[in-house]
C-alpha atoms as a PDB file:
ATOM      1  CA  MET A   1      -5.352  11.658  14.580  1.00  0.00           C
ATOM      2  CA  HIS A   2      -5.821   8.703  12.550  1.00  0.00           C
ATOM      3  CA  ARG A   3      -7.472   5.590  13.427  1.00  0.00           C
ATOM      4  CA  ILE A   4      -4.738   3.257  12.721  1.00  0.00           C
ATOM      5  CA  PHE A   5      -2.166   5.280  14.848  1.00  0.00           C
ATOM      6  CA  PHE A   6      -4.339   4.230  17.684  1.00  0.00           C
ATOM      7  CA  LEU A   7      -4.655   0.750  16.694  1.00  0.00           C
ATOM      8  CA  LEU A   8      -0.526   0.531  16.001  1.00  0.00           C
ATOM      9  CA  ALA A   9       0.061   2.106  19.341  1.00  0.00           C
ATOM     10  CA  GLY A  10      -2.388  -0.376  20.993  1.00  0.00           C
ATOM     11  CA  ALA A  11      -0.737  -3.358  19.330  1.00  0.00           C
ATOM     12  CA  LEU A  12       2.787  -2.459  20.091  1.00  0.00           C
ATOM     13  CA  SER A  13       1.882  -2.195  23.536  1.00  0.00           C
ATOM     14  CA  LEU A  14      -0.320  -5.188  23.905  1.00  0.00           C
ATOM     15  CA  ALA A  15       2.452  -7.383  21.970  1.00  0.00           C
ATOM     16  CA  GLY A  16       4.768  -7.743  24.935  1.00  0.00           C
ATOM     17  CA  CYS A  17       1.789  -9.695  26.881  1.00  0.00           C
ATOM     18  CA  ALA A  18       0.801 -12.049  24.341  1.00  0.00           C
ATOM     19  CA  GLY A  19       0.677 -15.561  25.007  1.00  0.00           C
ATOM     20  CA  GLY A  20       0.986 -16.922  22.342  1.00  0.00           C
ATOM     21  CA  PRO A  21      -0.190 -16.750  18.396  1.00  0.00           C
ATOM     22  CA  ALA A  22      -3.740 -15.280  17.880  1.00  0.00           C
ATOM     23  CA  THR A  23      -5.219 -13.717  14.837  1.00  0.00           C
ATOM     24  CA  GLY A  24      -6.354 -10.888  16.895  1.00  0.00           C
ATOM     25  CA  ASP A  25      -9.104 -10.646  13.999  1.00  0.00           C
ATOM     26  CA  GLY A  26     -12.670 -11.660  15.746  1.00  0.00           C
ATOM     27  CA  GLY A  27     -12.264 -14.874  14.738  1.00  0.00           C
ATOM     28  CA  LEU A  28     -11.750 -14.831  11.386  1.00  0.00           C
ATOM     29  CA  SER A  29     -10.439 -18.244   9.829  1.00  0.00           C
ATOM     30  CA  SER A  30     -10.398 -19.159   6.369  1.00  0.00           C
ATOM     31  CA  ALA A  31      -9.797 -17.806   2.628  1.00  0.00           C
ATOM     32  CA  ALA A  32     -12.193 -15.442   2.126  1.00  0.00           C
ATOM     33  CA  ARG A  33     -13.108 -11.959   0.919  1.00  0.00           C
ATOM     34  CA  TYR A  34     -12.221  -9.029   3.980  1.00  0.00           C
ATOM     35  CA  GLN A  35     -12.817  -5.687   3.289  1.00  0.00           C
ATOM     36  CA  GLY A  36     -10.625  -2.831   5.571  1.00  0.00           C
ATOM     37  CA  HIS A  37      -7.775  -0.819   5.945  1.00  0.00           C
ATOM     38  CA  LEU A  38      -4.324  -1.072   4.567  1.00  0.00           C
ATOM     39  CA  VAL A  39      -0.664   0.688   5.894  1.00  0.00           C
ATOM     40  CA  MET A  40       2.014   0.492   3.643  1.00  0.00           C
ATOM     41  CA  LEU A  41       5.504   1.612   4.896  1.00  0.00           C
ATOM     42  CA  PRO A  42       9.053   0.330   4.217  1.00  0.00           C
ATOM     43  CA  GLU A  43       9.136  -0.828   7.549  1.00  0.00           C
ATOM     44  CA  MET A  44       5.464  -2.547   7.838  1.00  0.00           C
ATOM     45  CA  HIS A  45       2.288  -3.547   5.601  1.00  0.00           C
ATOM     46  CA  ILE A  46      -0.772  -3.976   7.869  1.00  0.00           C
ATOM     47  CA  PHE A  47      -3.851  -4.632   6.975  1.00  0.00           C
ATOM     48  CA  VAL A  48      -6.747  -4.009   9.315  1.00  0.00           C
ATOM     49  CA  PRO A  49     -10.202  -5.597   8.739  1.00  0.00           C
ATOM     50  CA  CYS A  50     -13.122  -4.632   9.545  1.00  0.00           C
ATOM     51  CA  ASN A  51     -14.716  -5.029  13.078  1.00  0.00           C
ATOM     52  CA  ALA A  52     -11.358  -6.720  14.050  1.00  0.00           C
ATOM     53  CA  GLU A  53      -9.299  -5.500  17.144  1.00  0.00           C
ATOM     54  CA  ALA A  54      -5.916  -5.333  16.275  1.00  0.00           C
ATOM     55  CA  PRO A  55      -3.731  -4.983  12.816  1.00  0.00           C
ATOM     56  CA  LEU A  56      -2.411  -7.617  11.127  1.00  0.00           C
ATOM     57  CA  TRP A  57       0.780  -7.932   9.559  1.00  0.00           C
ATOM     58  CA  LEU A  58       0.353  -8.246   6.023  1.00  0.00           C
ATOM     59  CA  VAL A  59       1.976 -11.437   3.833  1.00  0.00           C
ATOM     60  CA  THR A  60       1.840 -10.950   0.258  1.00  0.00           C
ATOM     61  CA  ASP A  61       3.750 -12.428  -2.590  1.00  0.00           C
ATOM     62  CA  ALA A  62       6.448 -10.500  -4.666  1.00  0.00           C
ATOM     63  CA  ALA A  63       4.244  -9.118  -7.063  1.00  0.00           C
ATOM     64  CA  THR A  64       1.211  -8.707  -4.867  1.00  0.00           C
ATOM     65  CA  GLY A  65       3.166  -6.316  -2.601  1.00  0.00           C
ATOM     66  CA  HIS A  66       4.461  -4.485  -5.086  1.00  0.00           C
ATOM     67  CA  ARG A  67       1.525  -3.842  -6.513  1.00  0.00           C
ATOM     68  CA  LEU A  68       0.069  -2.848  -3.627  1.00  0.00           C
ATOM     69  CA  GLU A  69       2.869  -0.504  -2.460  1.00  0.00           C
ATOM     70  CA  ALA A  70       3.115   1.503  -5.828  1.00  0.00           C
ATOM     71  CA  GLN A  71      -0.527   2.377  -5.949  1.00  0.00           C
ATOM     72  CA  TYR A  72      -0.063   3.072  -2.001  1.00  0.00           C
ATOM     73  CA  THR A  73       1.841   5.929  -2.321  1.00  0.00           C
ATOM     74  CA  SER A  74      -1.108   7.388  -5.083  1.00  0.00           C
ATOM     75  CA  LEU A  75      -4.070   6.879  -2.475  1.00  0.00           C
ATOM     76  CA  VAL A  76      -2.702   8.982   0.598  1.00  0.00           C
ATOM     77  CA  SER A  77      -1.495  12.188   0.908  1.00  0.00           C
ATOM     78  CA  GLU A  78       0.841  11.358   4.478  1.00  0.00           C
ATOM     79  CA  PRO A  79       2.729   8.744   5.643  1.00  0.00           C
ATOM     80  CA  TYR A  80       0.334   6.113   8.096  1.00  0.00           C
ATOM     81  CA  GLU A  81      -2.560   6.947   6.462  1.00  0.00           C
ATOM     82  CA  GLU A  82      -5.001   4.751   5.841  1.00  0.00           C
ATOM     83  CA  ALA A  83      -6.059   3.148   2.558  1.00  0.00           C
ATOM     84  CA  PHE A  84      -9.432   1.255   1.812  1.00  0.00           C
ATOM     85  CA  ALA A  85      -9.061  -2.532   0.110  1.00  0.00           C
ATOM     86  CA  VAL A  86     -11.261  -5.648   0.265  1.00  0.00           C
ATOM     87  CA  LEU A  87      -8.950  -8.974  -0.193  1.00  0.00           C
ATOM     88  CA  ARG A  88      -9.527 -12.185  -0.020  1.00  0.00           C
ATOM     89  CA  GLY A  89      -6.869 -13.868   2.008  1.00  0.00           C
ATOM     90  CA  THR A  90      -6.643 -16.199   5.208  1.00  0.00           C
ATOM     91  CA  PRO A  91      -5.862 -14.359   8.670  1.00  0.00           C
ATOM     92  CA  GLY A  92      -3.001 -16.637  10.288  1.00  0.00           C
ATOM     93  CA  PRO A  93      -0.769 -16.622  13.664  1.00  0.00           C
ATOM     94  CA  GLN A  94       1.867 -14.200  15.083  1.00  0.00           C
ATOM     95  CA  LEU A  95       4.875 -14.524  12.959  1.00  0.00           C
ATOM     96  CA  ASP A  96       8.702 -14.184  13.622  1.00  0.00           C
ATOM     97  CA  CYS A  97      10.096 -11.748  12.487  1.00  0.00           C
ATOM     98  CA  ARG A  98      11.539  -8.837  12.425  1.00  0.00           C
ATOM     99  CA  GLY A  99       8.721  -5.665  12.943  1.00  0.00           C
ATOM    100  CA  CYS A 100       5.954  -8.841  12.671  1.00  0.00           C
ATOM    101  CA  LYS A 101       6.642  -9.726  16.226  1.00  0.00           C
ATOM    102  CA  ASP A 102       4.545  -6.713  17.245  1.00  0.00           C
ATOM    103  CA  PHE A 103       1.571  -7.792  15.682  1.00  0.00           C
ATOM    104  CA  PRO A 104      -0.658 -10.851  17.440  1.00  0.00           C
ATOM    105  CA  GLY A 105      -1.700 -12.020  13.825  1.00  0.00           C
ATOM    106  CA  SER A 106      -0.744 -11.960  10.295  1.00  0.00           C
ATOM    107  CA  PHE A 107      -3.001 -11.629   6.613  1.00  0.00           C
ATOM    108  CA  ARG A 108      -2.119 -13.599   3.634  1.00  0.00           C
ATOM    109  CA  VAL A 109      -3.536 -11.986   0.522  1.00  0.00           C
ATOM    110  CA  SER A 110      -4.521 -14.285  -2.290  1.00  0.00           C
ATOM    111  CA  GLU A 111      -6.123 -11.705  -4.298  1.00  0.00           C
ATOM    112  CA  ILE A 112      -6.915  -8.301  -4.431  1.00  0.00           C
ATOM    113  CA  ILE A 113     -10.860  -7.188  -5.209  1.00  0.00           C
ATOM    114  CA  GLU A 114     -10.808  -3.379  -4.587  1.00  0.00           C
ATOM    115  CA  TYR A 115      -8.037  -0.486  -3.513  1.00  0.00           C
ATOM    116  CA  ARG A 116      -8.853   2.897  -3.399  1.00  0.00           C
ATOM    117  CA  GLN A 117      -8.814   5.989  -0.565  1.00  0.00           C
ATOM    118  CA  ALA A 118     -10.657   5.120   2.428  1.00  0.00           C
ATOM    119  CA  GLU A 119     -13.800   7.181   2.722  1.00  0.00           C
ATOM    120  CA  ALA A 120     -15.453   7.682   6.333  1.00  0.00           C
ATOM    121  CA  GLY A 121     -17.996   4.784   5.363  1.00  0.00           C
ATOM    122  CA  ASP A 122     -15.658   2.367   4.457  1.00  0.00           C
ATOM    123  CA  CYS A 123     -16.564  -0.532   7.383  1.00  0.00           C
ATOM    124  CA  HIS A 124     -19.996   0.452   8.266  1.00  0.00           C
END
């Protein structure tokens, strides 16, 4: 099974226990360069920064979101599969929207630096 499946299951089961907004990103705090894995589905867009404890809800402008979605299908072979990305952005709080309430934090993308198929050596 893919690592993201277990992260999603854990995030969804812990979401009901969360006491307040948290980034779930191990202390990441300012706009900077982050690398990790993306899952882009119609109902959710998530980013799991390397060494993060939980997936983050991905926040983009329309053009960036469209670019990530369009390219995702060419990078993966099945739903929920991870693609690898290096992004410039800012981790943020848990959001109050349909779907994103299940994630302990968010990540606002300001720039796509690299986006490709995930490889075994990513995040090491």
